[in-house]
Amino acid sequence: MEITEVKIFLKDSPDKKLKAYATVTFDNAFVVRNIKVIQGANGVFIAMPSRRIKQPCPKCAFKNELRSKFCSQCGAQLPLPPRTEGQQDAGLSAQSEHKDIAHPITQSFRDYLQKKILDAYEQEIKKGPVLKEHFEE
């Protein structure tokens, strides 16, 4: 599988950890959007697109976001989500609240994907900001 295109969309706020979003095309046939470029403690890395995990209300079965205290549909109090081994007493970690929509299976493909995205990110930064005056006429 070959990455045939990477588009980078820089975020405006330089003080935030989220630096950009990437859209990646594979073999000119499949697209994955919303791959995040994040500034971490050990440098820049990618995070795959994800969604928040939901839990059903025991009273009305409406799906609420995990760790919600009350149902958004009927207002009933929701039970605390079950804990797994290794979770701190403070509750669930932020990572366990999200589930990847798409992700690499092997470490080698993850490394390949991350390198391609971060190379495109560095190229986009080197271009500098696009001035609005170029588009006004």
N, C-alpha and C. Protein backbone atom coordinates (compact mmCIF):
# COMPACT_ATOMS: atom_id res chain seq x y z
N MET A 1 0.86 -1.18 0.00
CA MET A 1 0.00 0.00 0.00
C MET A 1 0.90 1.23 0.00
N GLU A 2 0.55 2.16 -0.84
CA GLU A 2 1.36 3.37 -0.98
C GLU A 2 0.53 4.60 -0.62
N ILE A 3 1.16 5.53 0.08
CA ILE A 3 0.52 6.81 0.36
C ILE A 3 0.76 7.68 -0.85
N THR A 4 -0.33 8.06 -1.53
CA THR A 4 -0.19 8.82 -2.77
C THR A 4 -0.39 10.32 -2.59
N GLU A 5 -0.98 10.74 -1.46
CA GLU A 5 -1.15 12.17 -1.21
C GLU A 5 -1.33 12.42 0.27
N VAL A 6 -0.71 13.50 0.74
CA VAL A 6 -0.90 13.95 2.12
C VAL A 6 -1.20 15.44 2.07
N LYS A 7 -2.34 15.85 2.62
CA LYS A 7 -2.69 17.27 2.73
C LYS A 7 -2.65 17.64 4.20
N ILE A 8 -2.03 18.78 4.48
CA ILE A 8 -1.90 19.26 5.85
C ILE A 8 -2.71 20.53 6.02
N PHE A 9 -3.46 20.62 7.10
CA PHE A 9 -4.25 21.80 7.43
C PHE A 9 -3.77 22.31 8.79
N LEU A 10 -2.93 23.35 8.76
CA LEU A 10 -2.36 23.90 9.99
C LEU A 10 -3.43 24.57 10.84
N LYS A 11 -3.26 24.48 12.15
CA LYS A 11 -4.14 25.16 13.09
C LYS A 11 -3.51 26.51 13.43
N ASP A 12 -4.35 27.52 13.67
CA ASP A 12 -3.87 28.89 13.90
C ASP A 12 -3.24 29.13 15.26
N SER A 13 -3.67 28.41 16.28
CA SER A 13 -3.21 28.71 17.64
C SER A 13 -1.89 28.00 17.95
N PRO A 14 -0.78 28.75 17.99
CA PRO A 14 0.53 28.14 18.20
C PRO A 14 0.75 27.64 19.64
N ASP A 15 -0.04 28.11 20.61
CA ASP A 15 0.16 27.71 22.01
C ASP A 15 -0.53 26.39 22.35
N LYS A 16 -1.32 25.85 21.47
CA LYS A 16 -2.05 24.61 21.72
C LYS A 16 -1.21 23.41 21.28
N LYS A 17 -1.56 22.23 21.81
CA LYS A 17 -0.85 21.01 21.45
C LYS A 17 -1.22 20.51 20.06
N LEU A 18 -2.47 20.73 19.63
CA LEU A 18 -2.91 20.32 18.30
C LEU A 18 -2.32 21.28 17.28
N LYS A 19 -1.44 20.79 16.42
CA LYS A 19 -0.74 21.64 15.45
C LYS A 19 -1.39 21.63 14.08
N ALA A 20 -1.98 20.50 13.68
CA ALA A 20 -2.54 20.40 12.33
C ALA A 20 -3.42 19.16 12.23
N TYR A 21 -4.19 19.14 11.14
CA TYR A 21 -4.93 17.94 10.73
C TYR A 21 -4.34 17.49 9.40
N ALA A 22 -4.37 16.18 9.15
CA ALA A 22 -3.88 15.64 7.88
C ALA A 22 -4.97 14.81 7.23
N THR A 23 -4.99 14.86 5.91
CA THR A 23 -5.83 13.99 5.09
C THR A 23 -4.87 13.17 4.23
N VAL A 24 -4.99 11.85 4.32
CA VAL A 24 -4.06 10.96 3.63
C VAL A 24 -4.82 10.10 2.63
N THR A 25 -4.29 10.05 1.40
CA THR A 25 -4.86 9.21 0.35
C THR A 25 -3.95 8.02 0.12
N PHE A 26 -4.54 6.82 0.08
CA PHE A 26 -3.81 5.58 -0.14
C PHE A 26 -4.13 5.04 -1.53
N ASP A 27 -3.10 4.74 -2.30
CA ASP A 27 -3.24 4.13 -3.64
C ASP A 27 -4.24 4.86 -4.53
N ASN A 28 -4.34 6.17 -4.39
CA ASN A 28 -5.31 6.97 -5.16
C ASN A 28 -6.72 6.41 -5.09
N ALA A 29 -7.03 5.68 -4.00
CA ALA A 29 -8.32 4.99 -3.95
C ALA A 29 -9.03 5.10 -2.60
N PHE A 30 -8.32 5.45 -1.52
CA PHE A 30 -8.93 5.45 -0.19
C PHE A 30 -8.39 6.63 0.60
N VAL A 31 -9.27 7.36 1.30
CA VAL A 31 -8.89 8.56 2.04
C VAL A 31 -9.20 8.40 3.52
N VAL A 32 -8.27 8.86 4.36
CA VAL A 32 -8.50 8.95 5.81
C VAL A 32 -8.31 10.41 6.18
N ARG A 33 -9.35 11.01 6.78
CA ARG A 33 -9.30 12.42 7.19
C ARG A 33 -9.15 12.53 8.70
N ASN A 34 -8.79 13.73 9.13
CA ASN A 34 -8.73 14.09 10.55
C ASN A 34 -7.68 13.32 11.34
N ILE A 35 -6.54 13.01 10.72
CA ILE A 35 -5.40 12.51 11.48
C ILE A 35 -4.77 13.74 12.12
N LYS A 36 -4.59 13.71 13.43
CA LYS A 36 -4.10 14.87 14.15
C LYS A 36 -2.58 14.87 14.25
N VAL A 37 -1.97 16.05 14.11
CA VAL A 37 -0.55 16.24 14.37
C VAL A 37 -0.49 16.97 15.71
N ILE A 38 0.14 16.33 16.70
CA ILE A 38 0.11 16.82 18.08
C ILE A 38 1.53 17.03 18.59
N GLN A 39 1.73 18.14 19.32
CA GLN A 39 3.01 18.40 19.97
C GLN A 39 2.99 17.73 21.33
N GLY A 40 3.85 16.74 21.51
CA GLY A 40 3.94 16.03 22.78
C GLY A 40 5.20 16.41 23.53
N ALA A 41 5.40 15.81 24.67
CA ALA A 41 6.59 16.09 25.50
C ALA A 41 7.88 15.67 24.80
N ASN A 42 7.80 14.63 23.94
CA ASN A 42 8.99 14.14 23.25
C ASN A 42 9.00 14.48 21.76
N GLY A 43 8.24 15.50 21.36
CA GLY A 43 8.22 15.90 19.97
C GLY A 43 6.84 15.76 19.36
N VAL A 44 6.79 15.92 18.04
CA VAL A 44 5.53 15.89 17.31
C VAL A 44 5.20 14.44 16.95
N PHE A 45 3.91 14.08 17.04
CA PHE A 45 3.47 12.74 16.67
C PHE A 45 2.09 12.82 16.06
N ILE A 46 1.60 11.71 15.52
CA ILE A 46 0.25 11.70 14.94
C ILE A 46 -0.69 10.91 15.84
N ALA A 47 -1.97 11.29 15.77
CA ALA A 47 -3.04 10.56 16.46
C ALA A 47 -4.12 10.28 15.43
N MET A 48 -4.54 9.05 15.37
CA MET A 48 -5.52 8.64 14.37
C MET A 48 -6.90 9.19 14.72
N PRO A 49 -7.78 9.32 13.70
CA PRO A 49 -9.14 9.82 13.97
C PRO A 49 -9.85 8.89 14.94
N SER A 50 -10.60 9.47 15.86
CA SER A 50 -11.29 8.67 16.88
C SER A 50 -12.64 9.28 17.20
N ARG A 51 -13.42 8.52 17.95
CA ARG A 51 -14.72 9.01 18.42
C ARG A 51 -14.83 8.67 19.89
N ARG A 52 -15.66 9.44 20.57
CA ARG A 52 -15.88 9.18 22.00
C ARG A 52 -16.73 7.94 22.18
N ILE A 53 -16.39 7.14 23.16
CA ILE A 53 -17.14 5.94 23.48
C ILE A 53 -18.44 6.34 24.17
N LYS A 54 -19.52 5.66 23.86
CA LYS A 54 -20.83 5.96 24.45
C LYS A 54 -21.32 4.79 25.27
N GLN A 55 -22.16 5.09 26.25
CA GLN A 55 -22.77 4.05 27.08
C GLN A 55 -24.28 4.25 27.08
N PRO A 56 -25.07 3.17 27.04
CA PRO A 56 -26.52 3.33 27.02
C PRO A 56 -27.08 3.65 28.40
N CYS A 57 -28.14 4.44 28.43
CA CYS A 57 -28.85 4.73 29.66
C CYS A 57 -29.63 3.48 30.06
N PRO A 58 -29.56 3.05 31.32
CA PRO A 58 -30.30 1.86 31.73
C PRO A 58 -31.82 2.06 31.72
N LYS A 59 -32.26 3.32 31.75
CA LYS A 59 -33.69 3.61 31.78
C LYS A 59 -34.29 3.71 30.38
N CYS A 60 -33.64 4.50 29.48
CA CYS A 60 -34.24 4.74 28.16
C CYS A 60 -33.39 4.23 26.99
N ALA A 61 -32.20 3.73 27.27
CA ALA A 61 -31.27 3.17 26.27
C ALA A 61 -30.63 4.22 25.35
N PHE A 62 -30.81 5.51 25.64
CA PHE A 62 -30.15 6.57 24.86
C PHE A 62 -28.64 6.46 25.07
N LYS A 63 -27.87 6.61 24.00
CA LYS A 63 -26.41 6.49 24.11
C LYS A 63 -25.80 7.83 24.50
N ASN A 64 -25.21 7.86 25.69
CA ASN A 64 -24.56 9.06 26.23
C ASN A 64 -23.05 8.86 26.20
N GLU A 65 -22.30 9.99 26.18
CA GLU A 65 -20.86 9.89 26.23
C GLU A 65 -20.41 9.26 27.54
N LEU A 66 -19.37 8.45 27.45
CA LEU A 66 -18.82 7.79 28.62
C LEU A 66 -18.46 8.82 29.69
N ARG A 67 -18.70 8.52 30.92
CA ARG A 67 -18.44 9.37 32.09
C ARG A 67 -19.47 10.47 32.27
N SER A 68 -20.57 10.46 31.47
CA SER A 68 -21.66 11.40 31.73
C SER A 68 -22.33 11.00 33.03
N LYS A 69 -22.76 11.98 33.81
CA LYS A 69 -23.41 11.66 35.08
C LYS A 69 -24.90 11.45 34.93
N PHE A 70 -25.50 12.14 33.95
CA PHE A 70 -26.94 12.04 33.74
C PHE A 70 -27.24 11.82 32.26
N CYS A 71 -28.35 11.16 31.98
CA CYS A 71 -28.76 10.89 30.60
C CYS A 71 -29.21 12.18 29.93
N SER A 72 -28.75 12.40 28.71
CA SER A 72 -29.14 13.59 27.96
C SER A 72 -30.56 13.50 27.43
N GLN A 73 -31.14 12.31 27.42
CA GLN A 73 -32.49 12.11 26.91
C GLN A 73 -33.54 12.20 28.02
N CYS A 74 -33.37 11.39 29.08
CA CYS A 74 -34.41 11.31 30.12
C CYS A 74 -33.99 11.92 31.45
N GLY A 75 -32.71 12.25 31.63
CA GLY A 75 -32.25 12.88 32.85
C GLY A 75 -31.93 11.92 33.97
N ALA A 76 -32.06 10.62 33.74
CA ALA A 76 -31.76 9.63 34.79
C ALA A 76 -30.26 9.64 35.10
N GLN A 77 -29.94 9.31 36.35
CA GLN A 77 -28.54 9.23 36.74
C GLN A 77 -27.93 7.98 36.10
N LEU A 78 -26.73 8.14 35.56
CA LEU A 78 -26.05 7.03 34.89
C LEU A 78 -25.08 6.35 35.83
N PRO A 79 -24.92 5.04 35.68
CA PRO A 79 -23.93 4.33 36.52
C PRO A 79 -22.52 4.70 36.10
N LEU A 80 -21.58 4.59 37.02
CA LEU A 80 -20.18 4.82 36.68
C LEU A 80 -19.71 3.71 35.76
N PRO A 81 -18.87 4.04 34.76
CA PRO A 81 -18.37 2.99 33.87
C PRO A 81 -17.47 2.02 34.64
N PRO A 82 -17.47 0.75 34.26
CA PRO A 82 -16.61 -0.21 34.95
C PRO A 82 -15.15 0.12 34.75
N ARG A 83 -14.33 -0.11 35.78
CA ARG A 83 -12.90 0.15 35.69
C ARG A 83 -12.18 -1.12 35.27
N THR A 84 -11.07 -0.90 34.58
CA THR A 84 -10.22 -2.03 34.22
C THR A 84 -8.95 -1.93 35.04
N GLU A 85 -8.19 -3.01 35.09
CA GLU A 85 -6.94 -3.00 35.86
C GLU A 85 -6.00 -1.93 35.34
N GLY A 86 -5.31 -1.28 36.25
CA GLY A 86 -4.33 -0.28 35.85
C GLY A 86 -4.86 1.14 35.81
N GLN A 87 -6.18 1.32 35.93
CA GLN A 87 -6.72 2.68 35.92
C GLN A 87 -6.53 3.29 37.30
N GLN A 88 -6.25 4.58 37.30
CA GLN A 88 -6.01 5.28 38.55
C GLN A 88 -7.31 5.52 39.28
N ASP A 89 -7.22 5.81 40.58
CA ASP A 89 -8.42 6.07 41.38
C ASP A 89 -9.17 7.30 40.92
N ALA A 90 -8.50 8.20 40.22
CA ALA A 90 -9.16 9.43 39.77
C ALA A 90 -10.18 9.15 38.67
N GLY A 91 -10.17 7.97 38.09
CA GLY A 91 -11.14 7.64 37.04
C GLY A 91 -10.46 7.19 35.78
N LEU A 92 -11.20 7.18 34.69
CA LEU A 92 -10.68 6.73 33.41
C LEU A 92 -9.68 7.72 32.84
N SER A 93 -8.73 7.21 32.12
CA SER A 93 -7.81 8.11 31.43
C SER A 93 -8.50 8.67 30.20
N ALA A 94 -8.00 9.78 29.69
CA ALA A 94 -8.59 10.40 28.51
C ALA A 94 -8.52 9.46 27.31
N GLN A 95 -7.46 8.65 27.21
CA GLN A 95 -7.31 7.74 26.08
C GLN A 95 -8.39 6.68 26.08
N SER A 96 -8.82 6.20 27.23
CA SER A 96 -9.81 5.13 27.26
C SER A 96 -11.22 5.63 26.95
N GLU A 97 -11.40 6.94 26.83
CA GLU A 97 -12.70 7.51 26.47
C GLU A 97 -12.90 7.55 24.96
N HIS A 98 -11.85 7.29 24.20
CA HIS A 98 -11.92 7.38 22.75
C HIS A 98 -11.54 6.06 22.11
N LYS A 99 -12.10 5.81 20.93
CA LYS A 99 -11.78 4.61 20.18
C LYS A 99 -11.41 5.03 18.76
N ASP A 100 -10.27 4.51 18.27
CA ASP A 100 -9.84 4.85 16.91
C ASP A 100 -10.87 4.40 15.89
N ILE A 101 -11.10 5.24 14.89
CA ILE A 101 -11.98 4.89 13.77
C ILE A 101 -11.19 4.06 12.76
N ALA A 102 -9.96 4.47 12.51
CA ALA A 102 -9.06 3.76 11.61
C ALA A 102 -7.67 3.85 12.21
N HIS A 103 -6.90 2.78 12.07
CA HIS A 103 -5.55 2.81 12.61
C HIS A 103 -4.68 1.75 11.95
N PRO A 104 -3.34 1.96 11.91
CA PRO A 104 -2.43 0.97 11.34
C PRO A 104 -2.40 -0.29 12.21
N ILE A 105 -2.25 -1.43 11.58
CA ILE A 105 -2.17 -2.69 12.31
C ILE A 105 -0.74 -2.98 12.77
N THR A 106 0.23 -2.69 11.89
CA THR A 106 1.61 -3.01 12.22
C THR A 106 2.40 -1.75 12.60
N GLN A 107 3.43 -1.95 13.41
CA GLN A 107 4.29 -0.84 13.80
C GLN A 107 5.03 -0.27 12.60
N SER A 108 5.44 -1.13 11.67
CA SER A 108 6.18 -0.64 10.50
C SER A 108 5.30 0.28 9.64
N PHE A 109 4.02 -0.08 9.47
CA PHE A 109 3.15 0.79 8.69
C PHE A 109 2.85 2.09 9.45
N ARG A 110 2.71 2.01 10.77
CA ARG A 110 2.50 3.22 11.57
C ARG A 110 3.70 4.16 11.42
N ASP A 111 4.90 3.60 11.46
CA ASP A 111 6.11 4.42 11.30
C ASP A 111 6.14 5.07 9.92
N TYR A 112 5.78 4.31 8.88
CA TYR A 112 5.73 4.82 7.50
C TYR A 112 4.71 5.96 7.40
N LEU A 113 3.52 5.74 7.94
CA LEU A 113 2.46 6.75 7.91
C LEU A 113 2.88 8.01 8.66
N GLN A 114 3.43 7.84 9.85
CA GLN A 114 3.85 8.99 10.66
C GLN A 114 4.95 9.77 9.95
N LYS A 115 5.91 9.08 9.35
CA LYS A 115 7.00 9.78 8.65
C LYS A 115 6.45 10.61 7.49
N LYS A 116 5.56 10.03 6.69
CA LYS A 116 4.99 10.75 5.55
C LYS A 116 4.21 11.98 6.01
N ILE A 117 3.41 11.83 7.06
CA ILE A 117 2.60 12.95 7.55
C ILE A 117 3.49 14.03 8.16
N LEU A 118 4.46 13.64 8.97
CA LEU A 118 5.32 14.64 9.61
C LEU A 118 6.24 15.33 8.60
N ASP A 119 6.66 14.62 7.56
CA ASP A 119 7.43 15.26 6.48
C ASP A 119 6.57 16.32 5.78
N ALA A 120 5.32 15.97 5.48
CA ALA A 120 4.41 16.94 4.84
C ALA A 120 4.12 18.11 5.77
N TYR A 121 4.00 17.83 7.06
CA TYR A 121 3.78 18.89 8.06
C TYR A 121 4.96 19.87 8.08
N GLU A 122 6.17 19.34 8.08
CA GLU A 122 7.37 20.20 8.07
C GLU A 122 7.42 21.05 6.80
N GLN A 123 7.06 20.47 5.66
CA GLN A 123 7.03 21.22 4.40
C GLN A 123 5.99 22.35 4.47
N GLU A 124 4.85 22.07 5.06
CA GLU A 124 3.78 23.07 5.17
C GLU A 124 4.21 24.22 6.08
N ILE A 125 4.92 23.91 7.15
CA ILE A 125 5.42 24.95 8.06
C ILE A 125 6.44 25.84 7.33
N LYS A 126 7.30 25.23 6.53
CA LYS A 126 8.32 25.99 5.79
C LYS A 126 7.71 26.96 4.79
N LYS A 127 6.54 26.62 4.25
CA LYS A 127 5.85 27.51 3.31
C LYS A 127 5.47 28.83 3.98
N GLY A 128 5.20 28.77 5.27
CA GLY A 128 4.77 29.97 5.99
C GLY A 128 3.29 30.23 5.81
N PRO A 129 2.78 31.24 6.51
CA PRO A 129 1.35 31.54 6.41
C PRO A 129 0.99 32.11 5.05
N VAL A 130 -0.19 31.74 4.56
CA VAL A 130 -0.70 32.28 3.30
C VAL A 130 -1.37 33.61 3.61
N LEU A 131 -0.95 34.64 2.91
CA LEU A 131 -1.51 35.98 3.16
C LEU A 131 -2.83 36.14 2.43
N LYS A 132 -3.80 36.74 3.10
CA LYS A 132 -5.13 36.94 2.51
C LYS A 132 -5.09 37.88 1.32
N GLU A 133 -4.11 38.80 1.28
CA GLU A 133 -4.06 39.79 0.20
C GLU A 133 -3.85 39.13 -1.16
N HIS A 134 -3.29 37.90 -1.19
CA HIS A 134 -3.11 37.20 -2.47
C HIS A 134 -4.44 36.78 -3.08
N PHE A 135 -5.48 36.69 -2.26
CA PHE A 135 -6.78 36.22 -2.73
C PHE A 135 -7.77 37.36 -2.97
N GLU A 136 -7.41 38.57 -2.57
CA GLU A 136 -8.34 39.71 -2.71
C GLU A 136 -8.07 40.42 -4.03
N GLU A 137 -9.08 40.52 -4.86
CA GLU A 137 -8.95 41.27 -6.10
C GLU A 137 -10.30 41.67 -6.60
